[in-house]
Structures are given as C-alpha cells and as structure tokens.
C-alpha atoms as a PDB file:
ATOM      1  CA  MET A   1      68.376 125.436  76.792  1.00  0.00           C
ATOM      2  CA  ARG A   2      69.428 128.387  74.078  1.00  0.00           C
ATOM      3  CA  GLY A   3      69.654 130.665  77.040  1.00  0.00           C
ATOM      4  CA  ASP A   4      72.018 128.395  78.995  1.00  0.00           C
ATOM      5  CA  PHE A   5      74.080 128.223  76.223  1.00  0.00           C
ATOM      6  CA  GLY A   6      74.179 132.167  75.640  1.00  0.00           C
ATOM      7  CA  GLU A   7      74.932 132.531  79.516  1.00  0.00           C
ATOM      8  CA  MET A   8      77.989 130.014  79.186  1.00  0.00           C
ATOM      9  CA  LEU A   9      79.278 131.584  75.958  1.00  0.00           C
ATOM     10  CA  PHE A  10      78.980 134.882  77.841  1.00  0.00           C
ATOM     11  CA  TRP A  11      80.762 133.459  80.686  1.00  0.00           C
ATOM     12  CA  LEU A  12      83.403 131.966  78.411  1.00  0.00           C
ATOM     13  CA  ARG A  13      84.139 135.569  76.627  1.00  0.00           C
ATOM     14  CA  THR A  14      84.060 137.749  80.276  1.00  0.00           C
ATOM     15  CA  SER A  15      85.126 135.791  83.165  1.00  0.00           C
ATOM     16  CA  GLY A  16      86.505 132.573  81.617  1.00  0.00           C
ATOM     17  CA  LEU A  17      88.675 134.277  79.287  1.00  0.00           C
ATOM     18  CA  ARG A  18      90.342 136.006  82.204  1.00  0.00           C
ATOM     19  CA  ILE A  19      90.778 132.682  84.296  1.00  0.00           C
ATOM     20  CA  LEU A  20      92.304 131.256  81.174  1.00  0.00           C
ATOM     21  CA  VAL A  21      94.805 133.896  81.041  1.00  0.00           C
ATOM     22  CA  ILE A  22      95.707 133.818  84.742  1.00  0.00           C
ATOM     23  CA  GLY A  23      96.064 130.023  84.161  1.00  0.00           C
ATOM     24  CA  ILE A  24      98.394 130.115  81.361  1.00  0.00           C
ATOM     25  CA  GLY A  25     100.360 133.197  82.784  1.00  0.00           C
ATOM     26  CA  SER A  26     101.096 131.545  85.643  1.00  0.00           C
ATOM     27  CA  ILE A  27     102.368 128.366  83.927  1.00  0.00           C
ATOM     28  CA  PRO A  28     105.474 130.610  82.729  1.00  0.00           C
ATOM     29  CA  ALA A  29     106.134 132.191  86.153  1.00  0.00           C
ATOM     30  CA  VAL A  30     106.186 128.700  87.961  1.00  0.00           C
ATOM     31  CA  ARG A  31     108.694 127.661  85.169  1.00  0.00           C
ATOM     32  CA  LEU A  32     110.942 130.931  85.634  1.00  0.00           C
ATOM     33  CA  LEU A  33     110.803 130.527  89.234  1.00  0.00           C
ATOM     34  CA  ARG A  34     111.959 126.848  88.938  1.00  0.00           C
ATOM     35  CA  GLY A  35     114.685 127.742  86.606  1.00  0.00           C
ATOM     36  CA  ALA A  36     116.179 130.036  88.814  1.00  0.00           C
ATOM     37  CA  ALA A  37     115.994 127.747  91.496  1.00  0.00           C
ATOM     38  CA  ASP A  38     117.689 125.131  89.679  1.00  0.00           C
ATOM     39  CA  ARG A  39     120.499 127.312  89.166  1.00  0.00           C
ATOM     40  CA  ILE A  40     121.300 128.190  92.444  1.00  0.00           C
ATOM     41  CA  PRO A  41     123.256 124.970  93.160  1.00  0.00           C
ATOM     42  CA  SER A  42     125.348 125.253  90.345  1.00  0.00           C
ATOM     43  CA  LEU A  43     126.096 128.955  90.757  1.00  0.00           C
ATOM     44  CA  MET A  44     127.386 128.184  94.586  1.00  0.00           C
ATOM     45  CA  ALA A  45     129.222 124.833  93.695  1.00  0.00           C
ATOM     46  CA  THR A  46     133.089 124.509  94.030  1.00  0.00           C
ATOM     47  CA  GLY A  47     135.673 122.666  91.669  1.00  0.00           C
ATOM     48  CA  GLU A  48     135.663 119.771  93.967  1.00  0.00           C
ATOM     49  CA  ARG A  49     133.231 116.917  92.655  1.00  0.00           C
ATOM     50  CA  LEU A  50     133.686 114.175  95.018  1.00  0.00           C
ATOM     51  CA  ALA A  51     132.621 115.428  97.842  1.00  0.00           C
ATOM     52  CA  ILE A  52     129.430 117.583  98.529  1.00  0.00           C
ATOM     53  CA  THR A  53     130.392 120.503 100.735  1.00  0.00           C
ATOM     54  CA  GLU A  54     128.211 122.047 103.495  1.00  0.00           C
ATOM     55  CA  ARG A  55     127.908 125.110 101.216  1.00  0.00           C
ATOM     56  CA  GLU A  56     126.426 122.869  98.217  1.00  0.00           C
ATOM     57  CA  LYS A  57     123.894 121.315 100.539  1.00  0.00           C
ATOM     58  CA  ARG A  58     122.871 124.827 101.768  1.00  0.00           C
ATOM     59  CA  ALA A  59     122.557 125.968  98.263  1.00  0.00           C
ATOM     60  CA  ARG A  60     120.535 122.830  97.344  1.00  0.00           C
ATOM     61  CA  THR A  61     118.369 123.503 100.489  1.00  0.00           C
ATOM     62  CA  VAL A  62     117.848 127.041  99.517  1.00  0.00           C
ATOM     63  CA  ALA A  63     116.967 126.115  95.975  1.00  0.00           C
ATOM     64  CA  SER A  64     114.354 123.716  97.266  1.00  0.00           C
ATOM     65  CA  LEU A  65     112.968 126.229  99.397  1.00  0.00           C
ATOM     66  CA  LEU A  66     112.451 128.593  96.768  1.00  0.00           C
ATOM     67  CA  ARG A  67     111.114 126.299  94.573  1.00  0.00           C
ATOM     68  CA  THR A  68     108.611 124.898  96.519  1.00  0.00           C
ATOM     69  CA  VAL A  69     107.547 128.173  98.107  1.00  0.00           C
ATOM     70  CA  GLY A  70     107.461 130.566  94.973  1.00  0.00           C
ATOM     71  CA  THR A  71     105.252 127.850  93.359  1.00  0.00           C
ATOM     72  CA  THR A  72     103.039 127.857  96.032  1.00  0.00           C
ATOM     73  CA  LEU A  73     102.403 131.623  95.982  1.00  0.00           C
ATOM     74  CA  VAL A  74     102.193 131.535  92.352  1.00  0.00           C
ATOM     75  CA  LEU A  75      99.569 128.967  92.584  1.00  0.00           C
ATOM     76  CA  ILE A  76      97.731 131.041  95.656  1.00  0.00           C
ATOM     77  CA  VAL A  77      97.785 134.223  93.562  1.00  0.00           C
ATOM     78  CA  ALA A  78      96.441 132.402  90.641  1.00  0.00           C
ATOM     79  CA  VAL A  79      93.685 130.948  92.596  1.00  0.00           C
ATOM     80  CA  MET A  80      92.806 134.135  94.353  1.00  0.00           C
ATOM     81  CA  ARG A  81      92.865 136.151  91.367  1.00  0.00           C
ATOM     82  CA  THR A  82      90.593 133.839  89.501  1.00  0.00           C
ATOM     83  CA  MET A  83      88.284 133.854  92.531  1.00  0.00           C
ATOM     84  CA  TRP A  84      87.691 137.609  92.422  1.00  0.00           C
ATOM     85  CA  THR A  85      86.899 137.310  88.923  1.00  0.00           C
ATOM     86  CA  ARG A  86      83.423 139.246  88.081  1.00  0.00           C
END
C-alpha cells in the first residue's frame, strides 16, 4: 500500500504536473481564440442595424467556423501532448 502511494506521488510530480500544466494552458488559448472570433462580426458590421447584411452573415459564419475549428485544434493538441507524456 505504501509503495502504491509513493508511485502515485511520483507520477503526480512528473507526468501529472505536465498534464495539469497542459490542461490549464489550453484554457486561456481557447478563451483568446473565442474572444478573437467573437470580435469578427463587430469589426465587419456596417452602420445599419435593422437588416443583417450578407457581409455580416459571412462574418458570423467565419467567426463560428474559427471558434469551432480553433477550439477543436487546441483540444486535440492538448490531448496529444498529454498522451506523449513520459
């Protein structure tokens, strides 16, 4: 029992810490990506507020695509990096 606890502590200090850092590091990356994607429609908006123009629709589509694909890529990279933890 004592040996198992020692092994677990060793894992937490080596691989566990790296996995934790990767997980915590991916959170700000996703938040920054989503923040940038959320700004795209407002940057491309025109002065008229009554009708949504085709340009605004395209901007929303690009922002949604960037948000989804970007988040997926960040999560895939984070998972891949944790899988290759020694």
